[in-house]
Amino acid sequence: MILLAPLMALTVADVAARSLFNKPIPGTFELSEYMLAVMVLLGAAYTQQVKGHVAVDFFTGRCSPRAQAVLRALTGAASLLVVGIVVWQGAVLGFAEKSVSDQLRIPQWPFRMLVAAGGLLLWLELALDLIDSVRNVLGGSRWTR
């Protein structure tokens, strides 16, 4: 969230400069894209930790607690697979990236690597949730974090 205030200030300054002086701030759009990428990619794991992602329990809400834990474990395992692929491909593409932005000449590889870094944090959170679900399925006590 540290990047949100500068993002808003930069956007306001760009709009004001464009409207009042007909001189936009060069690179504002690029910087806004990069700051948004950082916020979104690094915020996914935190959102998973606080259970802030959208969840629809129309079907699972009618199941027994054990069946709900089984379904959570299955979706957790599938999520680990998908996010693992995102981490792997994010790292591959990040290491291969050689281009820079158009106006400010900012290298794009660090932002591509954020896909892998944010994905890895999300993968770890999902792994902890999967362990919790498996413990519930096996009848163990609920693991609290």
Protein backbone atom coordinates (compact mmCIF):
# COMPACT_ATOMS: atom_id res chain seq x y z
CA MET A 1 0.00 0.00 0.00
CA ILE A 2 3.07 2.23 0.20
CA LEU A 3 2.86 2.67 -3.57
CA LEU A 4 -0.78 3.74 -3.56
CA ALA A 5 -0.21 7.31 -2.30
CA PRO A 6 2.55 8.11 -4.82
CA LEU A 7 0.45 6.53 -7.57
CA MET A 8 -2.49 8.77 -6.72
CA ALA A 9 -0.28 11.86 -6.35
CA LEU A 10 1.43 11.19 -9.67
CA THR A 11 -1.89 10.69 -11.44
CA VAL A 12 -3.37 13.87 -9.94
CA ALA A 13 -0.26 15.85 -10.86
CA ASP A 14 -0.34 14.47 -14.40
CA VAL A 15 -4.01 15.35 -14.86
CA ALA A 16 -3.45 18.83 -13.41
CA ALA A 17 -0.40 19.46 -15.59
CA ARG A 18 -2.23 18.19 -18.66
CA SER A 19 -5.37 20.26 -17.95
CA LEU A 20 -3.81 23.50 -16.72
CA PHE A 21 -0.57 23.74 -18.70
CA ASN A 22 -1.18 21.32 -21.57
CA LYS A 23 2.06 19.55 -20.54
CA PRO A 24 1.61 16.01 -19.22
CA ILE A 25 4.28 14.44 -17.02
CA PRO A 26 6.33 12.09 -19.21
CA GLY A 27 6.23 8.44 -18.18
CA THR A 28 3.26 8.72 -15.84
CA PHE A 29 1.40 5.93 -17.56
CA GLU A 30 4.43 3.61 -17.43
CA LEU A 31 5.08 4.31 -13.75
CA SER A 32 1.41 3.77 -12.95
CA GLU A 33 1.46 0.40 -14.70
CA TYR A 34 4.56 -0.71 -12.79
CA MET A 35 3.26 0.46 -9.41
CA LEU A 36 -0.06 -1.29 -10.00
CA ALA A 37 1.76 -4.48 -10.95
CA VAL A 38 3.72 -4.40 -7.71
CA MET A 39 0.58 -3.82 -5.62
CA VAL A 40 -1.49 -6.54 -7.29
CA LEU A 41 1.17 -9.23 -7.55
CA LEU A 42 2.51 -8.84 -4.04
CA GLY A 43 -0.96 -8.42 -2.52
CA ALA A 44 -2.34 -11.79 -3.65
CA ALA A 45 -0.65 -13.80 -0.88
CA TYR A 46 -1.81 -11.41 1.83
CA THR A 47 -5.34 -11.53 0.47
CA GLN A 48 -5.21 -15.34 0.62
CA GLN A 49 -3.91 -15.22 4.18
CA VAL A 50 -6.81 -13.07 5.39
CA LYS A 51 -9.30 -15.07 3.27
CA GLY A 52 -10.12 -12.00 1.23
CA HIS A 53 -10.47 -13.70 -2.15
CA VAL A 54 -13.97 -14.13 -3.51
CA ALA A 55 -15.45 -17.49 -2.57
CA VAL A 56 -18.81 -18.89 -3.59
CA ASP A 57 -20.16 -21.48 -1.18
CA PHE A 58 -23.48 -22.15 -2.85
CA PHE A 59 -22.67 -25.86 -3.17
CA THR A 60 -20.11 -26.40 -0.42
CA GLY A 61 -22.21 -24.61 2.19
CA ARG A 62 -24.70 -27.48 2.03
CA CYS A 63 -22.05 -30.16 2.58
CA SER A 64 -20.89 -31.60 5.88
CA PRO A 65 -17.80 -30.03 7.49
CA ARG A 66 -15.73 -33.07 6.49
CA ALA A 67 -16.91 -32.86 2.87
CA GLN A 68 -16.14 -29.15 2.89
CA ALA A 69 -12.61 -29.92 4.10
CA VAL A 70 -12.20 -32.53 1.34
CA LEU A 71 -13.37 -30.02 -1.28
CA ARG A 72 -11.05 -27.36 0.16
CA ALA A 73 -8.17 -29.83 -0.01
CA LEU A 74 -8.96 -30.70 -3.63
CA THR A 75 -9.24 -27.08 -4.70
CA GLY A 76 -6.13 -26.26 -2.68
CA ALA A 77 -4.16 -28.96 -4.50
CA ALA A 78 -5.43 -27.74 -7.87
CA SER A 79 -4.58 -24.15 -6.92
CA LEU A 80 -1.06 -25.20 -5.93
CA LEU A 81 -0.62 -26.78 -9.34
CA VAL A 82 -1.85 -23.72 -11.23
CA VAL A 83 0.07 -21.21 -9.12
CA GLY A 84 3.17 -23.41 -9.34
CA ILE A 85 2.99 -23.18 -13.12
CA VAL A 86 2.59 -19.41 -12.86
CA VAL A 87 5.69 -19.20 -10.60
CA TRP A 88 7.73 -21.39 -12.94
CA GLN A 89 6.74 -19.54 -16.10
CA GLY A 90 7.06 -16.16 -14.38
CA ALA A 91 10.66 -16.99 -13.47
CA VAL A 92 11.43 -18.31 -16.96
CA LEU A 93 10.00 -15.21 -18.64
CA GLY A 94 11.54 -12.89 -16.06
CA PHE A 95 15.04 -14.21 -16.61
CA ALA A 96 14.58 -14.04 -20.39
CA GLU A 97 13.24 -10.46 -20.44
CA LYS A 98 15.63 -7.95 -21.96
CA SER A 99 13.33 -5.09 -23.01
CA VAL A 100 12.86 -1.69 -21.43
CA SER A 101 9.89 0.65 -21.25
CA ASP A 102 9.28 3.07 -24.11
CA GLN A 103 9.64 6.48 -22.48
CA LEU A 104 11.58 6.03 -19.26
CA ARG A 105 13.75 3.10 -20.41
CA ILE A 106 12.98 1.14 -17.21
CA PRO A 107 14.02 -2.52 -17.48
CA GLN A 108 10.99 -4.78 -17.47
CA TRP A 109 12.64 -7.91 -16.03
CA PRO A 110 12.20 -6.94 -12.35
CA PHE A 111 8.48 -6.53 -12.86
CA ARG A 112 8.28 -9.84 -14.73
CA MET A 113 10.10 -11.45 -11.81
CA LEU A 114 7.41 -10.06 -9.52
CA VAL A 115 5.06 -12.60 -11.08
CA ALA A 116 7.31 -15.37 -9.79
CA ALA A 117 7.91 -13.70 -6.40
CA GLY A 118 4.27 -12.88 -5.74
CA GLY A 119 3.23 -16.29 -7.05
CA LEU A 120 5.69 -18.02 -4.75
CA LEU A 121 4.28 -16.18 -1.74
CA LEU A 122 0.77 -17.12 -2.83
CA TRP A 123 1.88 -20.75 -3.36
CA LEU A 124 3.23 -20.86 0.20
CA GLU A 125 -0.03 -19.50 1.59
CA LEU A 126 -2.00 -22.05 -0.42
CA ALA A 127 0.28 -24.82 0.86
CA LEU A 128 -0.44 -23.81 4.46
CA ASP A 129 -4.17 -23.79 3.72
CA LEU A 130 -3.88 -27.23 2.11
CA ILE A 131 -2.14 -28.60 5.20
CA ASP A 132 -4.96 -27.18 7.31
CA SER A 133 -7.60 -28.78 5.07
CA VAL A 134 -5.87 -32.17 5.10
CA ARG A 135 -5.67 -32.07 8.90
CA ASN A 136 -9.40 -31.36 9.00
CA VAL A 137 -10.10 -34.25 6.62
CA LEU A 138 -8.05 -36.63 8.73
CA GLY A 139 -9.90 -35.53 11.85
CA GLY A 140 -7.01 -33.72 13.46
CA SER A 141 -7.35 -30.55 15.41
CA ARG A 142 -7.68 -27.35 13.44
CA TRP A 143 -4.34 -25.76 12.77
CA THR A 144 -4.36 -22.06 13.55
CA ARG A 145 -2.07 -19.42 12.19
